[in-house]
C-alpha atoms as a PDB file:
ATOM      1  CA  MET A   1      -9.133  -9.464  -6.668  1.00  0.00           C
ATOM      2  CA  ASN A   2      -6.115  -9.319  -4.363  1.00  0.00           C
ATOM      3  CA  ALA A   3      -4.569  -6.082  -3.053  1.00  0.00           C
ATOM      4  CA  LEU A   4      -1.801  -5.995  -5.657  1.00  0.00           C
ATOM      5  CA  ASP A   5      -4.207  -6.513  -8.558  1.00  0.00           C
ATOM      6  CA  LYS A   6      -6.470  -3.771  -7.190  1.00  0.00           C
ATOM      7  CA  CYS A   7      -3.481  -1.468  -6.811  1.00  0.00           C
ATOM      8  CA  TRP A   8      -2.447  -1.991 -10.442  1.00  0.00           C
ATOM      9  CA  LYS A   9      -6.036  -1.507 -11.647  1.00  0.00           C
ATOM     10  CA  ASN A  10      -6.433   1.782  -9.775  1.00  0.00           C
ATOM     11  CA  GLN A  11      -2.969   3.108 -10.615  1.00  0.00           C
ATOM     12  CA  MET A  12      -3.454   2.367 -14.305  1.00  0.00           C
ATOM     13  CA  SER A  13      -6.843   4.067 -14.316  1.00  0.00           C
ATOM     14  CA  MET A  14      -5.606   7.184 -12.544  1.00  0.00           C
ATOM     15  CA  SER A  15      -2.405   7.410 -14.597  1.00  0.00           C
ATOM     16  CA  ARG A  16      -4.300   7.026 -17.872  1.00  0.00           C
ATOM     17  CA  TRP A  17      -6.722   9.800 -16.879  1.00  0.00           C
ATOM     18  CA  VAL A  18      -3.914  12.099 -15.694  1.00  0.00           C
ATOM     19  CA  ALA A  19      -1.939  11.548 -18.921  1.00  0.00           C
ATOM     20  CA  LYS A  20      -4.992  12.578 -20.955  1.00  0.00           C
ATOM     21  CA  ASN A  21      -6.135  15.470 -18.749  1.00  0.00           C
ATOM     22  CA  TYR A  22      -3.195  16.989 -16.865  1.00  0.00           C
ATOM     23  CA  HIS A  23      -2.938  19.921 -19.277  1.00  0.00           C
ATOM     24  CA  LYS A  24      -6.409  21.073 -18.102  1.00  0.00           C
ATOM     25  CA  HIS A  25      -5.134  21.522 -14.551  1.00  0.00           C
ATOM     26  CA  LEU A  26      -2.441  23.597 -12.853  1.00  0.00           C
ATOM     27  CA  SER A  27      -0.183  20.609 -12.358  1.00  0.00           C
ATOM     28  CA  VAL A  28       0.014  16.832 -12.445  1.00  0.00           C
ATOM     29  CA  SER A  29      -0.580  16.842  -8.693  1.00  0.00           C
ATOM     30  CA  SER A  30      -3.792  18.815  -9.035  1.00  0.00           C
ATOM     31  CA  ALA A  31      -4.955  16.500 -11.845  1.00  0.00           C
ATOM     32  CA  LYS A  32      -4.302  13.482  -9.599  1.00  0.00           C
ATOM     33  CA  ASN A  33      -6.293  15.136  -6.824  1.00  0.00           C
ATOM     34  CA  VAL A  34      -9.218  15.762  -9.185  1.00  0.00           C
ATOM     35  CA  TRP A  35      -9.228  12.067 -10.163  1.00  0.00           C
ATOM     36  CA  LEU A  36      -9.060  10.998  -6.517  1.00  0.00           C
ATOM     37  CA  ARG A  37     -11.953  13.274  -5.534  1.00  0.00           C
ATOM     38  CA  LYS A  38     -14.054  11.977  -8.453  1.00  0.00           C
ATOM     39  CA  HIS A  39     -13.519   8.466  -7.086  1.00  0.00           C
ATOM     40  CA  ASN A  40     -14.116   9.458  -3.440  1.00  0.00           C
ATOM     41  CA  ILE A  41     -10.583   8.505  -2.399  1.00  0.00           C
ATOM     42  CA  THR A  42      -9.398  10.745   0.407  1.00  0.00           C
ATOM     43  CA  ASP A  43      -6.542   8.967   2.169  1.00  0.00           C
ATOM     44  CA  LEU A  44      -3.829   7.804  -0.210  1.00  0.00           C
ATOM     45  CA  TYR A  45      -0.131   8.079   0.595  1.00  0.00           C
ATOM     46  CA  ASN A  46       1.528  10.530  -1.841  1.00  0.00           C
ATOM     47  CA  SER A  47      -1.728  10.487  -3.856  1.00  0.00           C
ATOM     48  CA  CYS A  48      -0.397   7.288  -5.430  1.00  0.00           C
ATOM     49  CA  PHE A  49      -1.683   3.730  -5.319  1.00  0.00           C
ATOM     50  CA  PHE A  50       1.835   2.352  -5.786  1.00  0.00           C
ATOM     51  CA  CYS A  51       3.154   4.428  -2.879  1.00  0.00           C
ATOM     52  CA  GLN A  52       0.265   3.364  -0.673  1.00  0.00           C
ATOM     53  CA  TYR A  53       0.828  -0.298  -1.515  1.00  0.00           C
ATOM     54  CA  GLY A  54       4.547   0.103  -0.837  1.00  0.00           C
ATOM     55  CA  LYS A  55       3.891   1.795   2.489  1.00  0.00           C
ATOM     56  CA  ASP A  56       1.447  -0.929   3.510  1.00  0.00           C
ATOM     57  CA  HIS A  57       3.798  -3.774   2.537  1.00  0.00           C
ATOM     58  CA  ALA A  58       7.336  -2.517   3.258  1.00  0.00           C
ATOM     59  CA  ASP A  59       9.299  -3.011   6.429  1.00  0.00           C
ATOM     60  CA  TYR A  60      10.843   0.450   6.258  1.00  0.00           C
ATOM     61  CA  TYR A  61      11.083   2.189   2.873  1.00  0.00           C
ATOM     62  CA  ALA A  62       7.862   2.247   0.823  1.00  0.00           C
ATOM     63  CA  CYS A  63       9.634   2.284  -2.540  1.00  0.00           C
ATOM     64  CA  THR A  64      11.117  -1.169  -1.949  1.00  0.00           C
ATOM     65  CA  SER A  65       7.604  -2.658  -2.187  1.00  0.00           C
ATOM     66  CA  CYS A  66       6.378  -0.406  -5.008  1.00  0.00           C
ATOM     67  CA  PRO A  67       4.457  -2.585  -7.476  1.00  0.00           C
ATOM     68  CA  GLY A  68       6.442  -1.075 -10.340  1.00  0.00           C
ATOM     69  CA  ARG A  69       9.694  -2.158  -8.682  1.00  0.00           C
ATOM     70  CA  LEU A  70       8.296  -5.600  -7.973  1.00  0.00           C
ATOM     71  CA  VAL A  71       8.126  -6.038 -11.763  1.00  0.00           C
ATOM     72  CA  ASP A  72      11.278  -4.076 -12.627  1.00  0.00           C
ATOM     73  CA  PRO A  73      13.757  -3.327  -9.809  1.00  0.00           C
ATOM     74  CA  THR A  74      15.096  -0.357 -11.812  1.00  0.00           C
ATOM     75  CA  PHE A  75      11.679   1.362 -11.930  1.00  0.00           C
ATOM     76  CA  ARG A  76      11.688   4.868 -10.440  1.00  0.00           C
ATOM     77  CA  CYS A  77       8.596   7.073 -10.662  1.00  0.00           C
ATOM     78  CA  ALA A  78      10.790  10.170 -10.902  1.00  0.00           C
ATOM     79  CA  SER A  79      13.077   8.779 -13.618  1.00  0.00           C
ATOM     80  CA  SER A  80      14.167  11.436 -16.079  1.00  0.00           C
ATOM     81  CA  ASN A  81      12.994   9.119 -18.882  1.00  0.00           C
ATOM     82  CA  TYR A  82       9.366   8.902 -17.708  1.00  0.00           C
ATOM     83  CA  SER A  83       8.851  11.121 -14.664  1.00  0.00           C
ATOM     84  CA  TYR A  84       5.234  11.152 -13.536  1.00  0.00           C
ATOM     85  CA  MET A  85       5.526  14.888 -12.747  1.00  0.00           C
ATOM     86  CA  ARG A  86       7.316  16.057 -15.890  1.00  0.00           C
ATOM     87  CA  ASN A  87       5.978  13.615 -18.445  1.00  0.00           C
ATOM     88  CA  PRO A  88       2.789  11.855 -17.342  1.00  0.00           C
ATOM     89  CA  LYS A  89       2.203  10.390 -20.812  1.00  0.00           C
ATOM     90  CA  GLU A  90       5.574   8.633 -20.814  1.00  0.00           C
ATOM     91  CA  PHE A  91       4.951   7.564 -17.218  1.00  0.00           C
ATOM     92  CA  TYR A  92       1.666   5.969 -18.242  1.00  0.00           C
ATOM     93  CA  ASN A  93       3.365   4.268 -21.194  1.00  0.00           C
ATOM     94  CA  ARG A  94       6.002   2.851 -18.835  1.00  0.00           C
ATOM     95  CA  LEU A  95       3.270   1.584 -16.508  1.00  0.00           C
ATOM     96  CA  ARG A  96       1.498  -0.075 -19.443  1.00  0.00           C
ATOM     97  CA  PHE A  97       4.723  -1.867 -20.334  1.00  0.00           C
ATOM     98  CA  LEU A  98       5.230  -3.031 -16.736  1.00  0.00           C
ATOM     99  CA  TYR A  99       1.576  -3.986 -16.346  1.00  0.00           C
ATOM    100  CA  ASN A 100       1.799  -6.297 -19.343  1.00  0.00           C
ATOM    101  CA  ILE A 101       4.752  -8.046 -17.705  1.00  0.00           C
ATOM    102  CA  TYR A 102       2.885  -8.205 -14.382  1.00  0.00           C
ATOM    103  CA  LYS A 103      -0.194  -9.775 -16.011  1.00  0.00           C
ATOM    104  CA  LYS A 104       1.924 -12.529 -17.556  1.00  0.00           C
ATOM    105  CA  GLY A 105       3.083 -13.345 -14.032  1.00  0.00           C
END
């Protein structure tokens, strides 16, 4: 599995769990941190696999290499339509849509 495939796999897993469980925690951020601790992940830029991938693969600005943007250049994690912080369920649904496009390659 290459780095991009692994990134998608991990981001989808975390986002699915957060969408189902965020209401049990103080915030989306704390839910993400619970998931990361459960998976023994301690050093992840912005607590996000997409952000970490972008940081590792961008010349300057991490968002330009965000895997979501590699599929859809208009993708923004803080979009008012599917913000990961305000609406993690819609964010996960958007990721599912993009992931299906990514898999088709």
